Amino acid sequence: STLILKASLTANPQAKIGIVVSRFNELITEKLLAG
């Protein structure tokens, strides 16, 4: 059989996430970060 994988949109609560954000154009990047 063919293996088909489709990822869930529910996060693993153990996952550690990093977000790097540019201060340049901070008016925009603050909104991106909040989202």
PDB file of all heavy atoms in Angstrom:
ATOM      1  N   SER A   1       0.833  -1.196   0.000  1.00  0.00           N
ATOM      2  CA  SER A   1       0.000   0.000   0.000  1.00  0.00           C
ATOM      3  C   SER A   1       0.873   1.253   0.000  1.00  0.00           C
ATOM      4  O   SER A   1       2.004   1.247   0.452  1.00  0.00           O
ATOM      5  CB  SER A   1      -0.932   0.004   1.221  1.00  0.00           C
ATOM      6  OG  SER A   1      -0.162   0.091   2.397  1.00  0.00           O
ATOM      7  N   THR A   2       0.305   2.309  -0.498  1.00  0.00           N
ATOM      8  CA  THR A   2       0.999   3.586  -0.565  1.00  0.00           C
ATOM      9  C   THR A   2       0.928   4.265   0.792  1.00  0.00           C
ATOM     10  O   THR A   2      -0.141   4.329   1.405  1.00  0.00           O
ATOM     11  CB  THR A   2       0.332   4.489  -1.621  1.00  0.00           C
ATOM     12  OG1 THR A   2       0.361   3.806  -2.870  1.00  0.00           O
ATOM     13  CG2 THR A   2       1.039   5.815  -1.729  1.00  0.00           C
ATOM     14  N   LEU A   3       2.054   4.774   1.264  1.00  0.00           N
ATOM     15  CA  LEU A   3       2.104   5.500   2.522  1.00  0.00           C
ATOM     16  C   LEU A   3       1.771   6.962   2.244  1.00  0.00           C
ATOM     17  O   LEU A   3       2.445   7.624   1.455  1.00  0.00           O
ATOM     18  CB  LEU A   3       3.489   5.397   3.155  1.00  0.00           C
ATOM     19  CG  LEU A   3       3.709   6.211   4.429  1.00  0.00           C
ATOM     20  CD1 LEU A   3       2.791   5.725   5.549  1.00  0.00           C
ATOM     21  CD2 LEU A   3       5.165   6.139   4.847  1.00  0.00           C
ATOM     22  N   ILE A   4       0.723   7.447   2.874  1.00  0.00           N
ATOM     23  CA  ILE A   4       0.325   8.844   2.723  1.00  0.00           C
ATOM     24  C   ILE A   4       0.299   9.464   4.106  1.00  0.00           C
ATOM     25  O   ILE A   4      -0.406   8.979   4.998  1.00  0.00           O
ATOM     26  CB  ILE A   4      -1.063   8.967   2.055  1.00  0.00           C
ATOM     27  CG1 ILE A   4      -1.024   8.343   0.659  1.00  0.00           C
ATOM     28  CG2 ILE A   4      -1.486  10.432   2.002  1.00  0.00           C
ATOM     29  CD1 ILE A   4      -2.367   8.275  -0.013  1.00  0.00           C
ATOM     30  N   LEU A   5       1.051  10.524   4.284  1.00  0.00           N
ATOM     31  CA  LEU A   5       1.104  11.218   5.562  1.00  0.00           C
ATOM     32  C   LEU A   5       0.501  12.604   5.403  1.00  0.00           C
ATOM     33  O   LEU A   5       0.797  13.310   4.449  1.00  0.00           O
ATOM     34  CB  LEU A   5       2.550  11.343   6.051  1.00  0.00           C
ATOM     35  CG  LEU A   5       3.301  10.034   6.257  1.00  0.00           C
ATOM     36  CD1 LEU A   5       4.744  10.323   6.627  1.00  0.00           C
ATOM     37  CD2 LEU A   5       2.632   9.187   7.313  1.00  0.00           C
ATOM     38  N   LYS A   6      -0.337  12.961   6.343  1.00  0.00           N
ATOM     39  CA  LYS A   6      -0.921  14.296   6.354  1.00  0.00           C
ATOM     40  C   LYS A   6      -0.837  14.788   7.790  1.00  0.00           C
ATOM     41  O   LYS A   6      -1.351  14.154   8.706  1.00  0.00           O
ATOM     42  CB  LYS A   6      -2.368  14.264   5.879  1.00  0.00           C
ATOM     43  CG  LYS A   6      -2.967  15.639   5.735  1.00  0.00           C
ATOM     44  CD  LYS A   6      -4.338  15.578   5.110  1.00  0.00           C
ATOM     45  CE  LYS A   6      -4.902  16.978   4.994  1.00  0.00           C
ATOM     46  NZ  LYS A   6      -6.235  16.974   4.412  1.00  0.00           N
ATOM     47  N   ALA A   7      -0.178  15.904   7.958  1.00  0.00           N
ATOM     48  CA  ALA A   7       0.091  16.395   9.303  1.00  0.00           C
ATOM     49  C   ALA A   7      -1.146  17.017   9.942  1.00  0.00           C
ATOM     50  O   ALA A   7      -1.963  17.656   9.285  1.00  0.00           O
ATOM     51  CB  ALA A   7       1.211  17.421   9.267  1.00  0.00           C
ATOM     52  N   SER A   8      -1.230  16.841  11.227  1.00  0.00           N
ATOM     53  CA  SER A   8      -2.289  17.439  12.036  1.00  0.00           C
ATOM     54  C   SER A   8      -1.977  18.917  12.253  1.00  0.00           C
ATOM     55  O   SER A   8      -0.834  19.341  12.214  1.00  0.00           O
ATOM     56  CB  SER A   8      -2.349  16.713  13.381  1.00  0.00           C
ATOM     57  OG  SER A   8      -3.069  17.461  14.322  1.00  0.00           O
ATOM     58  N   LEU A   9      -3.014  19.688  12.487  1.00  0.00           N
ATOM     59  CA  LEU A   9      -2.835  21.106  12.779  1.00  0.00           C
ATOM     60  C   LEU A   9      -2.942  21.389  14.273  1.00  0.00           C
ATOM     61  O   LEU A   9      -3.087  22.534  14.685  1.00  0.00           O
ATOM     62  CB  LEU A   9      -3.848  21.934  11.985  1.00  0.00           C
ATOM     63  CG  LEU A   9      -3.719  21.797  10.467  1.00  0.00           C
ATOM     64  CD1 LEU A   9      -4.768  22.631   9.764  1.00  0.00           C
ATOM     65  CD2 LEU A   9      -2.333  22.168   9.992  1.00  0.00           C
ATOM     66  N   THR A  10      -2.851  20.331  15.079  1.00  0.00           N
ATOM     67  CA  THR A  10      -2.817  20.465  16.531  1.00  0.00           C
ATOM     68  C   THR A  10      -1.376  20.256  16.968  1.00  0.00           C
ATOM     69  O   THR A  10      -0.758  19.251  16.622  1.00  0.00           O
ATOM     70  CB  THR A  10      -3.736  19.427  17.208  1.00  0.00           C
ATOM     71  OG1 THR A  10      -5.056  19.612  16.720  1.00  0.00           O
ATOM     72  CG2 THR A  10      -3.712  19.589  18.713  1.00  0.00           C
ATOM     73  N   ALA A  11      -0.840  21.188  17.704  1.00  0.00           N
ATOM     74  CA  ALA A  11       0.568  21.145  18.080  1.00  0.00           C
ATOM     75  C   ALA A  11       0.828  20.150  19.196  1.00  0.00           C
ATOM     76  O   ALA A  11      -0.043  19.881  20.038  1.00  0.00           O
ATOM     77  CB  ALA A  11       1.025  22.530  18.510  1.00  0.00           C
ATOM     78  N   ASN A  12       2.040  19.635  19.212  1.00  0.00           N
ATOM     79  CA  ASN A  12       2.525  18.839  20.330  1.00  0.00           C
ATOM     80  C   ASN A  12       2.840  19.808  21.467  1.00  0.00           C
ATOM     81  O   ASN A  12       3.713  20.668  21.318  1.00  0.00           O
ATOM     82  CB  ASN A  12       3.776  18.078  19.890  1.00  0.00           C
ATOM     83  CG  ASN A  12       4.465  17.363  21.024  1.00  0.00           C
ATOM     84  OD1 ASN A  12       4.088  17.477  22.178  1.00  0.00           O
ATOM     85  ND2 ASN A  12       5.510  16.624  20.688  1.00  0.00           N
ATOM     86  N   PRO A  13       2.173  19.694  22.599  1.00  0.00           N
ATOM     87  CA  PRO A  13       2.396  20.657  23.684  1.00  0.00           C
ATOM     88  C   PRO A  13       3.808  20.603  24.278  1.00  0.00           C
ATOM     89  O   PRO A  13       4.200  21.498  25.011  1.00  0.00           O
ATOM     90  CB  PRO A  13       1.344  20.295  24.732  1.00  0.00           C
ATOM     91  CG  PRO A  13       0.899  18.927  24.387  1.00  0.00           C
ATOM     92  CD  PRO A  13       1.152  18.721  22.936  1.00  0.00           C
ATOM     93  N   GLN A  14       4.570  19.569  23.928  1.00  0.00           N
ATOM     94  CA  GLN A  14       5.962  19.470  24.393  1.00  0.00           C
ATOM     95  C   GLN A  14       6.935  20.204  23.473  1.00  0.00           C
ATOM     96  O   GLN A  14       8.102  20.395  23.827  1.00  0.00           O
ATOM     97  CB  GLN A  14       6.371  17.995  24.481  1.00  0.00           C
ATOM     98  CG  GLN A  14       5.466  17.137  25.343  1.00  0.00           C
ATOM     99  CD  GLN A  14       5.354  17.666  26.761  1.00  0.00           C
ATOM    100  OE1 GLN A  14       6.342  18.033  27.381  1.00  0.00           O
ATOM    101  NE2 GLN A  14       4.135  17.742  27.275  1.00  0.00           N
ATOM    102  N   ALA A  15       6.465  20.603  22.297  1.00  0.00           N
ATOM    103  CA  ALA A  15       7.350  21.234  21.311  1.00  0.00           C
ATOM    104  C   ALA A  15       7.912  22.546  21.839  1.00  0.00           C
ATOM    105  O   ALA A  15       7.216  23.323  22.482  1.00  0.00           O
ATOM    106  CB  ALA A  15       6.595  21.470  20.005  1.00  0.00           C
ATOM    107  N   LYS A  16       9.173  22.760  21.547  1.00  0.00           N
ATOM    108  CA  LYS A  16       9.841  24.014  21.897  1.00  0.00           C
ATOM    109  C   LYS A  16      10.033  24.795  20.596  1.00  0.00           C
ATOM    110  O   LYS A  16      10.624  24.305  19.641  1.00  0.00           O
ATOM    111  CB  LYS A  16      11.170  23.730  22.572  1.00  0.00           C
ATOM    112  CG  LYS A  16      10.997  22.922  23.855  1.00  0.00           C
ATOM    113  CD  LYS A  16      12.018  23.277  24.880  1.00  0.00           C
ATOM    114  CE  LYS A  16      11.867  22.525  26.172  1.00  0.00           C
ATOM    115  NZ  LYS A  16      10.562  22.456  26.728  1.00  0.00           N
ATOM    116  N   ILE A  17       9.529  26.020  20.607  1.00  0.00           N
ATOM    117  CA  ILE A  17       9.493  26.843  19.410  1.00  0.00           C
ATOM    118  C   ILE A  17      10.372  28.071  19.595  1.00  0.00           C
ATOM    119  O   ILE A  17      10.327  28.735  20.626  1.00  0.00           O
ATOM    120  CB  ILE A  17       8.040  27.312  19.113  1.00  0.00           C
ATOM    121  CG1 ILE A  17       7.074  26.133  19.073  1.00  0.00           C
ATOM    122  CG2 ILE A  17       7.996  28.158  17.843  1.00  0.00           C
ATOM    123  CD1 ILE A  17       7.364  25.094  18.046  1.00  0.00           C
ATOM    124  N   GLY A  18      11.135  28.377  18.572  1.00  0.00           N
ATOM    125  CA  GLY A  18      11.918  29.604  18.545  1.00  0.00           C
ATOM    126  C   GLY A  18      11.349  30.548  17.500  1.00  0.00           C
ATOM    127  O   GLY A  18      10.952  30.112  16.420  1.00  0.00           O
ATOM    128  N   ILE A  19      11.291  31.798  17.848  1.00  0.00           N
ATOM    129  CA  ILE A  19      10.872  32.828  16.886  1.00  0.00           C
ATOM    130  C   ILE A  19      11.954  33.898  16.874  1.00  0.00           C
ATOM    131  O   ILE A  19      12.281  34.467  17.916  1.00  0.00           O
ATOM    132  CB  ILE A  19       9.516  33.457  17.262  1.00  0.00           C
ATOM    133  CG1 ILE A  19       8.424  32.390  17.400  1.00  0.00           C
ATOM    134  CG2 ILE A  19       9.117  34.507  16.225  1.00  0.00           C
ATOM    135  CD1 ILE A  19       7.076  32.935  17.868  1.00  0.00           C
ATOM    136  N   VAL A  20      12.528  34.131  15.692  1.00  0.00           N
ATOM    137  CA  VAL A  20      13.477  35.232  15.532  1.00  0.00           C
ATOM    138  C   VAL A  20      12.747  36.338  14.779  1.00  0.00           C
ATOM    139  O   VAL A  20      12.070  36.083  13.784  1.00  0.00           O
ATOM    140  CB  VAL A  20      14.775  34.799  14.822  1.00  0.00           C
ATOM    141  CG1 VAL A  20      15.602  33.902  15.722  1.00  0.00           C
ATOM    142  CG2 VAL A  20      14.509  34.117  13.510  1.00  0.00           C
ATOM    143  N   VAL A  21      12.857  37.556  15.303  1.00  0.00           N
ATOM    144  CA  VAL A  21      12.077  38.677  14.789  1.00  0.00           C
ATOM    145  C   VAL A  21      12.982  39.876  14.538  1.00  0.00           C
ATOM    146  O   VAL A  21      13.762  40.258  15.407  1.00  0.00           O
ATOM    147  CB  VAL A  21      10.979  39.112  15.792  1.00  0.00           C
ATOM    148  CG1 VAL A  21      10.014  40.091  15.160  1.00  0.00           C
ATOM    149  CG2 VAL A  21      10.260  37.942  16.397  1.00  0.00           C
ATOM    150  N   SER A  22      12.829  40.472  13.378  1.00  0.00           N
ATOM    151  CA  SER A  22      13.585  41.658  13.030  1.00  0.00           C
ATOM    152  C   SER A  22      12.940  42.907  13.646  1.00  0.00           C
ATOM    153  O   SER A  22      11.731  43.094  13.552  1.00  0.00           O
ATOM    154  CB  SER A  22      13.617  41.803  11.503  1.00  0.00           C
ATOM    155  OG  SER A  22      14.123  43.061  11.138  1.00  0.00           O
ATOM    156  N   ARG A  23      13.776  43.756  14.257  1.00  0.00           N
ATOM    157  CA  ARG A  23      13.280  45.040  14.775  1.00  0.00           C
ATOM    158  C   ARG A  23      13.052  46.045  13.650  1.00  0.00           C
ATOM    159  O   ARG A  23      12.255  46.968  13.800  1.00  0.00           O
ATOM    160  CB  ARG A  23      14.274  45.632  15.781  1.00  0.00           C
ATOM    161  CG  ARG A  23      14.165  45.081  17.160  1.00  0.00           C
ATOM    162  CD  ARG A  23      14.900  45.939  18.185  1.00  0.00           C
ATOM    163  NE  ARG A  23      16.140  46.508  17.718  1.00  0.00           N
ATOM    164  CZ  ARG A  23      17.339  45.967  17.888  1.00  0.00           C
ATOM    165  NH1 ARG A  23      17.463  44.814  18.497  1.00  0.00           N
ATOM    166  NH2 ARG A  23      18.424  46.576  17.434  1.00  0.00           N
ATOM    167  N   PHE A  24      13.773  45.888  12.543  1.00  0.00           N
ATOM    168  CA  PHE A  24      13.599  46.814  11.425  1.00  0.00           C
ATOM    169  C   PHE A  24      12.175  46.638  10.893  1.00  0.00           C
ATOM    170  O   PHE A  24      11.721  45.521  10.705  1.00  0.00           O
ATOM    171  CB  PHE A  24      14.636  46.527  10.329  1.00  0.00           C
ATOM    172  CG  PHE A  24      14.791  47.654   9.361  1.00  0.00           C
ATOM    173  CD1 PHE A  24      15.554  48.763   9.675  1.00  0.00           C
ATOM    174  CD2 PHE A  24      14.157  47.617   8.134  1.00  0.00           C
ATOM    175  CE1 PHE A  24      15.701  49.804   8.785  1.00  0.00           C
ATOM    176  CE2 PHE A  24      14.291  48.664   7.236  1.00  0.00           C
ATOM    177  CZ  PHE A  24      15.061  49.764   7.558  1.00  0.00           C
ATOM    178  N   ASN A  25      11.483  47.727  10.689  1.00  0.00           N
ATOM    179  CA  ASN A  25      10.051  47.721  10.330  1.00  0.00           C
ATOM    180  C   ASN A  25       9.221  47.091  11.455  1.00  0.00           C
ATOM    181  O   ASN A  25       8.309  46.303  11.211  1.00  0.00           O
ATOM    182  CB  ASN A  25       9.806  47.018   8.986  1.00  0.00           C
ATOM    183  CG  ASN A  25      10.295  47.835   7.817  1.00  0.00           C
ATOM    184  OD1 ASN A  25      10.135  49.041   7.785  1.00  0.00           O
ATOM    185  ND2 ASN A  25      10.916  47.172   6.859  1.00  0.00           N
ATOM    186  N   GLU A  26       9.550  47.471  12.673  1.00  0.00           N
ATOM    187  CA  GLU A  26       8.913  46.909  13.867  1.00  0.00           C
ATOM    188  C   GLU A  26       7.396  47.111  13.893  1.00  0.00           C
ATOM    189  O   GLU A  26       6.675  46.292  14.461  1.00  0.00           O
ATOM    190  CB  GLU A  26       9.556  47.516  15.120  1.00  0.00           C
ATOM    191  CG  GLU A  26       9.205  46.808  16.397  1.00  0.00           C
ATOM    192  CD  GLU A  26      10.050  47.280  17.571  1.00  0.00           C
ATOM    193  OE1 GLU A  26      10.871  48.225  17.413  1.00  0.00           O
ATOM    194  OE2 GLU A  26       9.885  46.710  18.655  1.00  0.00           O
ATOM    195  N   LEU A  27       6.907  48.152  13.280  1.00  0.00           N
ATOM    196  CA  LEU A  27       5.457  48.356  13.178  1.00  0.00           C
ATOM    197  C   LEU A  27       4.805  47.113  12.585  1.00  0.00           C
ATOM    198  O   LEU A  27       3.731  46.685  13.026  1.00  0.00           O
ATOM    199  CB  LEU A  27       5.161  49.586  12.306  1.00  0.00           C
ATOM    200  CG  LEU A  27       3.697  49.807  11.906  1.00  0.00           C
ATOM    201  CD1 LEU A  27       2.879  50.199  13.126  1.00  0.00           C
ATOM    202  CD2 LEU A  27       3.600  50.873  10.828  1.00  0.00           C
ATOM    203  N   ILE A  28       5.457  46.522  11.620  1.00  0.00           N
ATOM    204  CA  ILE A  28       4.948  45.327  10.944  1.00  0.00           C
ATOM    205  C   ILE A  28       5.309  44.066  11.722  1.00  0.00           C
ATOM    206  O   ILE A  28       4.468  43.198  11.958  1.00  0.00           O
ATOM    207  CB  ILE A  28       5.513  45.234   9.509  1.00  0.00           C
ATOM    208  CG1 ILE A  28       5.200  46.498   8.708  1.00  0.00           C
ATOM    209  CG2 ILE A  28       5.019  43.974   8.819  1.00  0.00           C
ATOM    210  CD1 ILE A  28       3.751  46.831   8.542  1.00  0.00           C
ATOM    211  N   THR A  29       6.567  43.951  12.115  1.00  0.00           N
ATOM    212  CA  THR A  29       7.026  42.692  12.719  1.00  0.00           C
ATOM    213  C   THR A  29       6.372  42.416  14.075  1.00  0.00           C
ATOM    214  O   THR A  29       6.183  41.255  14.431  1.00  0.00           O
ATOM    215  CB  THR A  29       8.559  42.634  12.827  1.00  0.00           C
ATOM    216  OG1 THR A  29       9.033  43.705  13.654  1.00  0.00           O
ATOM    217  CG2 THR A  29       9.196  42.708  11.450  1.00  0.00           C
ATOM    218  N   GLU A  30       6.023  43.463  14.808  1.00  0.00           N
ATOM    219  CA  GLU A  30       5.283  43.246  16.068  1.00  0.00           C
ATOM    220  C   GLU A  30       3.940  42.557  15.798  1.00  0.00           C
ATOM    221  O   GLU A  30       3.520  41.687  16.556  1.00  0.00           O
ATOM    222  CB  GLU A  30       5.031  44.575  16.782  1.00  0.00           C
ATOM    223  CG  GLU A  30       6.206  45.103  17.543  1.00  0.00           C
ATOM    224  CD  GLU A  30       5.873  46.381  18.294  1.00  0.00           C
ATOM    225  OE1 GLU A  30       4.958  47.139  17.876  1.00  0.00           O
ATOM    226  OE2 GLU A  30       6.533  46.633  19.312  1.00  0.00           O
ATOM    227  N   LYS A  31       3.282  42.948  14.736  1.00  0.00           N
ATOM    228  CA  LYS A  31       1.989  42.344  14.378  1.00  0.00           C
ATOM    229  C   LYS A  31       2.174  40.900  13.911  1.00  0.00           C
ATOM    230  O   LYS A  31       1.359  40.026  14.224  1.00  0.00           O
ATOM    231  CB  LYS A  31       1.302  43.170  13.290  1.00  0.00           C
ATOM    232  CG  LYS A  31       0.896  44.562  13.746  1.00  0.00           C
ATOM    233  CD  LYS A  31       0.393  45.384  12.571  1.00  0.00           C
ATOM    234  CE  LYS A  31       0.293  46.835  12.927  1.00  0.00           C
ATOM    235  NZ  LYS A  31      -0.992  47.316  13.228  1.00  0.00           N
ATOM    236  N   LEU A  32       3.227  40.651  13.146  1.00  0.00           N
ATOM    237  CA  LEU A  32       3.518  39.283  12.714  1.00  0.00           C
ATOM    238  C   LEU A  32       3.790  38.397  13.928  1.00  0.00           C
ATOM    239  O   LEU A  32       3.301  37.261  14.010  1.00  0.00           O
ATOM    240  CB  LEU A  32       4.725  39.261  11.767  1.00  0.00           C
ATOM    241  CG  LEU A  32       4.568  39.979  10.438  1.00  0.00           C
ATOM    242  CD1 LEU A  32       5.909  40.008   9.694  1.00  0.00           C
ATOM    243  CD2 LEU A  32       3.486  39.329   9.583  1.00  0.00           C
ATOM    244  N   LEU A  33       4.562  38.916  14.874  1.00  0.00           N
ATOM    245  CA  LEU A  33       4.881  38.164  16.086  1.00  0.00           C
ATOM    246  C   LEU A  33       3.619  37.872  16.890  1.00  0.00           C
ATOM    247  O   LEU A  33       3.409  36.742  17.347  1.00  0.00           O
ATOM    248  CB  LEU A  33       5.891  38.931  16.941  1.00  0.00           C
ATOM    249  CG  LEU A  33       6.245  38.294  18.282  1.00  0.00           C
ATOM    250  CD1 LEU A  33       6.850  36.911  18.103  1.00  0.00           C
ATOM    251  CD2 LEU A  33       7.169  39.215  19.071  1.00  0.00           C
ATOM    252  N   ALA A  34       2.768  38.862  17.067  1.00  0.00           N
ATOM    253  CA  ALA A  34       1.525  38.659  17.816  1.00  0.00           C
ATOM    254  C   ALA A  34       0.671  37.572  17.163  1.00  0.00           C
ATOM    255  O   ALA A  34       0.108  36.708  17.845  1.00  0.00           O
ATOM    256  CB  ALA A  34       0.742  39.965  17.925  1.00  0.00           C
ATOM    257  N   GLY A  35       0.592  37.589  15.837  1.00  0.00           N
ATOM    258  CA  GLY A  35      -0.170  36.572  15.121  1.00  0.00           C
ATOM    259  C   GLY A  35       0.420  35.187  15.300  1.00  0.00           C
ATOM    260  O   GLY A  35      -0.301  34.201  15.488  1.00  0.00           O
TER     261      GLY A  35
END
